[in-house]
Amino acid sequence: MSSDAAPHVVEDLFGVVRLLSDGSVVRGDESVLMPAGPFPDVPGVRWKDAVYDATRGLKVRVYRPPPPGAGGEEGSKLPVLVYFHGGGYCVGSYDHPMFHSCCQRFAAELPAVVLSVQYRLAPEHRLPAAVEDAATFFAWLRGQADPWLAESADLARTFVSGVSAGANLAHHVVVRLAARQLAADPVRVAGYVLLSAFFGSVERTVTEAESPASVSLTAAVDKLWRMALPVGASRDHPLANPFGPDSPSMEPLPLPPALVVAPGLDMLRGHMRRYAARLEEMGKAVELVEFAGEQHGFSVRGWGEANDELVRILKRFVGQMK
């Protein structure tokens, strides 16, 4: 008899992602974690997909708001919002109805040209794969001549944003751009927005440890990090913890203004508060906005009063960055 043991499950995320001992991955129904809807469409918003990395088949969904009505500045160019979806780096997609609806609303109400970026997922493609994809996207953005963007996008007013893991990814993109590890011109990042940012650390924050109800969520988050980070890395890896022992200092970097949005019921809000506080200590321009009573990822999970207020805050943030 062969002594080789059959592959067994080493990580199981609610049956949605199962990582086996031989490195293979079995995926299940993502609607367990990300409901498919229905999510409303926004009348008049036009969108199309473009390939930004032909080698890997990675796409970006480009959204344009409705043409301006009476009193609008016909022909004036709009700010650009680069958006990375959430999902703990292990699930989710740029074209999921939840993110699609959110990007339509941002395009219409800011208004802005919104670019929703696909990136490779772990554990098939562990970090830094997603960060590398974001770098490839910005190289595409610098050099492309798509008429939709050429006609309406002001690349000198580009904002980088994302929700959850997408916010983590937005942070790393902005840091790389500020450190000149990525070429930017003619793209100029005027600001960045972190929505329900997915950060971690070996040491638990108070908000991670304060509630017994968060125990199962903490276990799920730990599981996501184990599947997303390089094999054997801890939650103090620089890709998880911006202030870990091996994380490069952001103090000398010319970071653009930041808007950090922290839901009041999100167990990860301690990391978001720390992120904003540390930026402030460094003398960086940062605004922390907390939404009492809201859960992680509320920005894409509905169109209630909190979402209306978030859009108003985003509109102000984007409008004041010239």
Protein backbone atom coordinates (compact mmCIF):
# COMPACT_ATOMS: atom_id res chain seq x y z
CA MET A 1 0.00 0.00 0.00
CA SER A 2 1.11 3.52 -0.68
CA SER A 3 2.12 5.51 2.38
CA ASP A 4 1.04 8.74 0.71
CA ALA A 5 -1.87 10.23 2.62
CA ALA A 6 -4.78 11.65 0.67
CA PRO A 7 -4.94 15.45 0.66
CA HIS A 8 -6.88 16.79 3.63
CA VAL A 9 -8.43 20.16 4.44
CA VAL A 10 -6.09 22.49 6.32
CA GLU A 11 -8.22 25.66 6.12
CA ASP A 12 -11.97 25.88 5.62
CA LEU A 13 -13.68 29.27 5.28
CA PHE A 14 -17.35 28.38 5.81
CA GLY A 15 -17.16 25.94 2.90
CA VAL A 16 -16.58 28.83 0.50
CA VAL A 17 -12.81 28.34 0.26
CA ARG A 18 -11.13 25.10 1.28
CA LEU A 19 -7.34 24.86 1.18
CA LEU A 20 -6.02 21.30 1.03
CA SER A 21 -2.73 19.96 2.32
CA ASP A 22 -1.35 19.53 -1.21
CA GLY A 23 -1.92 23.23 -1.93
CA SER A 24 -5.01 22.72 -4.08
CA VAL A 25 -8.10 24.84 -3.49
CA VAL A 26 -11.78 23.88 -3.61
CA ARG A 27 -14.23 26.76 -3.95
CA GLY A 28 -17.89 26.73 -2.98
CA ASP A 29 -20.82 29.14 -3.18
CA GLU A 30 -19.65 32.67 -2.36
CA SER A 31 -23.21 33.86 -1.71
CA VAL A 32 -22.79 32.42 1.80
CA LEU A 33 -20.52 35.40 2.48
CA MET A 34 -21.52 37.82 -0.27
CA PRO A 35 -25.22 37.88 -1.13
CA ALA A 36 -25.89 38.24 -4.85
CA GLY A 37 -28.63 40.79 -4.32
CA PRO A 38 -30.75 42.18 -5.68
CA PHE A 39 -28.76 45.41 -5.63
CA PRO A 40 -30.15 48.45 -7.45
CA ASP A 41 -28.80 49.79 -10.72
CA VAL A 42 -28.36 53.54 -11.19
CA PRO A 43 -30.17 54.85 -14.29
CA GLY A 44 -27.95 56.56 -16.81
CA VAL A 45 -24.60 55.23 -15.58
CA ARG A 46 -22.69 53.69 -18.46
CA TRP A 47 -20.08 51.01 -17.92
CA LYS A 48 -17.86 48.63 -19.85
CA ASP A 49 -15.04 46.17 -19.16
CA ALA A 50 -11.50 46.56 -20.46
CA VAL A 51 -8.54 44.18 -20.17
CA TYR A 52 -5.57 45.75 -18.41
CA ASP A 53 -3.42 42.60 -18.16
CA ALA A 54 -3.86 40.35 -21.19
CA THR A 55 -1.37 37.79 -19.87
CA ARG A 56 -3.49 37.06 -16.81
CA GLY A 57 -6.84 38.07 -18.29
CA LEU A 58 -7.40 40.72 -15.63
CA LYS A 59 -10.05 43.35 -16.26
CA VAL A 60 -11.18 46.75 -15.06
CA ARG A 61 -14.78 47.91 -15.17
CA VAL A 62 -15.05 51.55 -16.25
CA TYR A 63 -18.07 53.54 -15.07
CA ARG A 64 -19.14 56.91 -16.44
CA PRO A 65 -21.89 59.01 -14.87
CA PRO A 66 -24.87 60.29 -16.83
CA PRO A 67 -24.19 63.39 -18.95
CA PRO A 68 -24.64 66.62 -16.95
CA GLY A 69 -28.09 68.17 -17.07
CA ALA A 70 -29.00 71.81 -17.23
CA GLY A 71 -26.31 73.90 -15.62
CA GLY A 72 -23.68 71.14 -15.85
CA GLU A 73 -20.26 71.80 -17.28
CA GLU A 74 -20.50 70.02 -20.59
CA GLY A 75 -17.16 68.59 -21.64
CA SER A 76 -15.40 69.21 -18.29
CA LYS A 77 -13.33 66.29 -17.08
CA LEU A 78 -14.18 64.36 -13.95
CA PRO A 79 -12.08 63.05 -11.06
CA VAL A 80 -11.12 59.39 -11.19
CA LEU A 81 -11.89 56.90 -8.42
CA VAL A 82 -9.83 53.70 -8.58
CA TYR A 83 -11.72 51.09 -6.55
CA PHE A 84 -10.61 47.69 -5.21
CA HIS A 85 -13.29 45.23 -4.06
CA GLY A 86 -13.28 43.45 -0.72
CA GLY A 87 -13.29 39.82 0.34
CA GLY A 88 -10.29 39.23 2.58
CA TYR A 89 -8.10 38.76 -0.52
CA CYS A 90 -9.69 35.31 -0.86
CA VAL A 91 -13.20 35.92 -2.24
CA GLY A 92 -15.08 38.57 -4.18
CA SER A 93 -14.86 39.99 -7.68
CA TYR A 94 -14.85 43.37 -9.37
CA ASP A 95 -18.10 42.49 -11.15
CA HIS A 96 -20.02 41.12 -8.15
CA PRO A 97 -23.48 42.79 -8.03
CA MET A 98 -22.73 44.27 -4.61
CA PHE A 99 -19.60 46.10 -5.77
CA HIS A 100 -21.11 46.86 -9.18
CA SER A 101 -24.06 48.68 -7.61
CA CYS A 102 -21.79 50.62 -5.23
CA CYS A 103 -19.51 51.76 -8.07
CA GLN A 104 -22.50 52.90 -10.12
CA ARG A 105 -23.64 55.06 -7.23
CA PHE A 106 -20.18 56.55 -6.69
CA ALA A 107 -19.92 57.35 -10.41
CA ALA A 108 -23.32 59.06 -10.48
CA GLU A 109 -23.23 60.98 -7.23
CA LEU A 110 -19.64 62.15 -6.80
CA PRO A 111 -19.64 62.37 -9.90
CA ALA A 112 -16.51 60.57 -11.06
CA VAL A 113 -15.12 58.10 -13.53
CA VAL A 114 -14.90 54.92 -11.43
CA LEU A 115 -12.44 52.16 -12.27
CA SER A 116 -13.23 48.90 -10.48
CA VAL A 117 -10.14 46.69 -10.67
CA GLN A 118 -9.98 42.90 -10.78
CA TYR A 119 -7.01 41.27 -9.03
CA ARG A 120 -5.86 37.72 -8.36
CA LEU A 121 -7.18 35.99 -5.26
CA ALA A 122 -5.50 33.90 -2.59
CA PRO A 123 -4.82 31.19 -1.69
CA GLU A 124 -4.22 30.27 -5.34
CA HIS A 125 -2.29 33.54 -5.68
CA ARG A 126 -0.98 34.63 -2.31
CA LEU A 127 0.09 38.16 -1.54
CA PRO A 128 1.86 40.12 -2.91
CA ALA A 129 0.08 38.94 -6.12
CA ALA A 130 -2.78 41.43 -5.66
CA VAL A 131 -0.33 44.28 -5.05
CA GLU A 132 1.57 43.32 -8.20
CA ASP A 133 -1.71 43.36 -10.13
CA ALA A 134 -2.48 46.83 -8.83
CA ALA A 135 0.95 47.99 -10.04
CA THR A 136 0.23 46.51 -13.47
CA PHE A 137 -3.10 48.33 -13.51
CA PHE A 138 -1.49 51.69 -12.80
CA ALA A 139 1.03 51.08 -15.59
CA TRP A 140 -1.95 50.44 -17.90
CA LEU A 141 -3.74 53.54 -16.63
CA ARG A 142 -0.70 55.71 -17.34
CA GLY A 143 -0.38 54.54 -20.92
CA GLN A 144 -3.86 53.67 -22.16
CA ALA A 145 -5.81 55.82 -24.61
CA ASP A 146 -9.33 54.46 -24.16
CA PRO A 147 -11.73 57.11 -25.52
CA TRP A 148 -13.97 56.85 -22.47
CA LEU A 149 -11.11 57.89 -20.22
CA ALA A 150 -9.51 60.34 -22.62
CA GLU A 151 -12.78 62.20 -23.02
CA SER A 152 -13.90 62.39 -19.41
CA ALA A 153 -11.18 61.43 -16.91
CA ASP A 154 -8.91 63.93 -15.17
CA LEU A 155 -6.02 61.67 -14.20
CA ALA A 156 -4.46 64.53 -12.23
CA ARG A 157 -7.36 64.10 -9.78
CA THR A 158 -7.16 60.37 -9.13
CA PHE A 159 -8.37 58.92 -5.85
CA VAL A 160 -7.52 55.40 -4.70
CA SER A 161 -10.11 53.55 -2.66
CA GLY A 162 -11.42 50.16 -1.69
CA VAL A 163 -13.42 48.30 0.90
CA SER A 164 -12.02 45.78 3.40
CA ALA A 165 -9.14 43.96 1.65
CA GLY A 166 -9.57 46.49 -1.13
CA ALA A 167 -8.80 49.25 1.37
CA ASN A 168 -5.69 47.37 2.46
CA LEU A 169 -4.69 47.16 -1.19
CA ALA A 170 -5.40 50.87 -1.70
CA HIS A 171 -3.02 51.64 1.19
CA HIS A 172 -0.20 49.62 -0.36
CA VAL A 173 -0.72 51.21 -3.78
CA VAL A 174 -0.56 54.73 -2.33
CA VAL A 175 2.56 53.91 -0.30
CA ARG A 176 4.30 52.49 -3.37
CA LEU A 177 3.38 55.52 -5.43
CA ALA A 178 4.57 57.90 -2.71
CA ALA A 179 7.84 55.97 -2.39
CA ARG A 180 8.26 56.20 -6.17
CA GLN A 181 8.28 52.42 -6.45
CA LEU A 182 5.61 52.91 -9.13
CA ALA A 183 5.76 55.45 -11.92
CA ALA A 184 2.77 57.78 -11.82
CA ASP A 185 2.82 60.58 -14.39
CA PRO A 186 0.30 61.62 -15.77
CA VAL A 187 -1.64 60.00 -12.92
CA ARG A 188 -1.59 62.10 -9.74
CA VAL A 189 -3.16 60.66 -6.62
CA ALA A 190 -5.00 63.53 -4.94
CA GLY A 191 -6.26 61.46 -2.01
CA TYR A 192 -7.19 57.99 -0.83
CA VAL A 193 -10.18 56.50 0.95
CA LEU A 194 -10.08 53.41 3.16
CA LEU A 195 -13.52 51.88 3.77
CA SER A 196 -13.67 49.24 6.55
CA ALA A 197 -9.95 48.63 6.10
CA PHE A 198 -8.71 45.06 6.52
CA PHE A 199 -5.55 45.33 8.63
CA GLY A 200 -4.15 42.96 11.21
CA SER A 201 -1.46 42.41 13.82
CA VAL A 202 -0.27 39.61 16.06
CA GLU A 203 -1.31 41.63 19.09
CA ARG A 204 -5.08 41.93 19.29
CA THR A 205 -6.63 45.37 19.38
CA VAL A 206 -9.15 46.12 22.12
CA THR A 207 -11.99 46.02 19.60
CA GLU A 208 -10.96 42.54 18.48
CA ALA A 209 -10.86 41.19 22.02
CA GLU A 210 -13.63 43.10 23.80
CA SER A 211 -16.67 41.04 22.77
CA PRO A 212 -17.23 37.28 23.12
CA ALA A 213 -19.42 37.52 20.00
CA SER A 214 -16.34 38.46 17.98
CA VAL A 215 -14.52 35.20 18.69
CA SER A 216 -15.85 33.38 15.61
CA LEU A 217 -15.25 36.44 13.45
CA THR A 218 -11.69 36.73 14.75
CA ALA A 219 -11.10 33.08 13.83
CA ALA A 220 -12.43 33.74 10.32
CA VAL A 221 -10.22 36.81 9.89
CA ASP A 222 -7.18 34.85 11.10
CA LYS A 223 -8.02 32.17 8.57
CA LEU A 224 -8.20 34.72 5.75
CA TRP A 225 -4.77 36.08 6.68
CA ARG A 226 -3.28 32.57 6.83
CA MET A 227 -4.55 31.89 3.32
CA ALA A 228 -3.67 35.32 1.89
CA LEU A 229 -0.21 36.05 3.29
CA PRO A 230 2.97 34.30 2.16
CA VAL A 231 3.22 30.81 3.66
CA GLY A 232 4.41 30.98 7.25
CA ALA A 233 3.97 34.76 7.60
CA SER A 234 2.35 36.19 10.72
CA ARG A 235 -0.21 39.00 10.95
CA ASP A 236 2.71 41.36 11.61
CA HIS A 237 3.83 40.93 7.99
CA PRO A 238 3.97 44.40 6.34
CA LEU A 239 1.14 43.45 3.99
CA ALA A 240 -1.17 42.97 6.99
CA ASN A 241 0.26 45.37 9.57
CA PRO A 242 1.42 48.78 8.28
CA PHE A 243 3.13 49.38 11.64
CA GLY A 244 4.66 45.96 12.22
CA PRO A 245 8.29 45.39 13.25
CA ASP A 246 9.38 44.90 9.62
CA SER A 247 7.09 47.51 8.03
CA PRO A 248 8.86 50.45 6.37
CA SER A 249 8.20 53.86 7.89
CA MET A 250 5.65 56.02 6.14
CA GLU A 251 6.85 59.17 7.91
CA PRO A 252 9.21 60.38 5.14
CA LEU A 253 6.70 59.68 2.36
CA PRO A 254 4.65 62.46 0.71
CA LEU A 255 1.34 60.71 1.26
CA PRO A 256 -1.78 62.36 -0.17
CA PRO A 257 -4.67 63.22 2.20
CA ALA A 258 -6.46 60.18 3.58
CA LEU A 259 -10.07 59.53 4.54
CA VAL A 260 -10.49 56.56 6.90
CA VAL A 261 -14.04 55.25 7.35
CA ALA A 262 -14.57 53.02 10.39
CA PRO A 263 -17.89 51.27 11.10
CA GLY A 264 -18.77 51.47 14.79
CA LEU A 265 -19.62 47.76 15.12
CA ASP A 266 -16.64 46.50 13.12
CA MET A 267 -14.28 44.48 15.28
CA LEU A 268 -11.41 45.70 13.07
CA ARG A 269 -12.14 49.35 13.83
CA GLY A 270 -9.27 49.41 16.32
CA HIS A 271 -6.85 48.94 13.43
CA MET A 272 -8.57 51.72 11.48
CA ARG A 273 -8.39 54.10 14.42
CA ARG A 274 -4.73 53.26 14.94
CA TYR A 275 -4.00 53.83 11.26
CA ALA A 276 -5.55 57.31 11.36
CA ALA A 277 -3.87 58.17 14.67
CA ARG A 278 -0.43 57.13 13.45
CA LEU A 279 -0.80 59.17 10.26
CA GLU A 280 -1.81 62.17 12.34
CA GLU A 281 1.23 61.70 14.59
CA MET A 282 3.41 61.77 11.46
CA GLY A 283 1.87 65.07 10.43
CA LYS A 284 -0.05 63.60 7.50
CA ALA A 285 -3.43 64.92 6.38
CA VAL A 286 -6.00 62.39 7.57
CA GLU A 287 -9.68 62.40 8.48
CA LEU A 288 -11.28 59.62 10.50
CA VAL A 289 -15.05 59.20 10.16
CA GLU A 290 -16.84 56.65 12.34
CA PHE A 291 -20.32 55.33 11.62
CA ALA A 292 -21.99 54.25 14.85
CA GLY A 293 -24.14 51.17 14.57
CA GLU A 294 -22.70 50.04 11.23
CA GLN A 295 -21.02 46.73 10.43
CA HIS A 296 -17.90 45.90 8.43
CA GLY A 297 -18.43 46.60 4.74
CA PHE A 298 -21.65 48.57 5.19
CA SER A 299 -20.66 50.78 2.25
CA VAL A 300 -21.57 48.02 -0.21
CA ARG A 301 -24.37 46.27 1.65
CA GLY A 302 -27.25 48.68 1.22
CA TRP A 303 -28.49 52.15 0.38
CA GLY A 304 -29.64 53.34 3.78
CA GLU A 305 -29.04 56.57 5.69
CA ALA A 306 -25.44 55.66 6.53
CA ASN A 307 -24.70 55.05 2.87
CA ASP A 308 -26.27 58.39 1.95
CA GLU A 309 -24.07 60.14 4.52
CA LEU A 310 -20.99 58.27 3.28
CA VAL A 311 -21.63 59.49 -0.28
CA ARG A 312 -21.96 63.07 1.00
CA ILE A 313 -18.63 62.74 2.85
CA LEU A 314 -16.92 61.24 -0.21
CA LYS A 315 -18.30 63.97 -2.41
CA ARG A 316 -16.91 66.62 -0.06
CA PHE A 317 -13.53 64.88 0.20
CA VAL A 318 -13.17 64.52 -3.56
CA GLY A 319 -14.47 68.03 -4.23
CA GLN A 320 -11.98 69.75 -1.94
CA MET A 321 -8.93 68.02 -3.47
CA LYS A 322 -8.05 70.10 -6.51
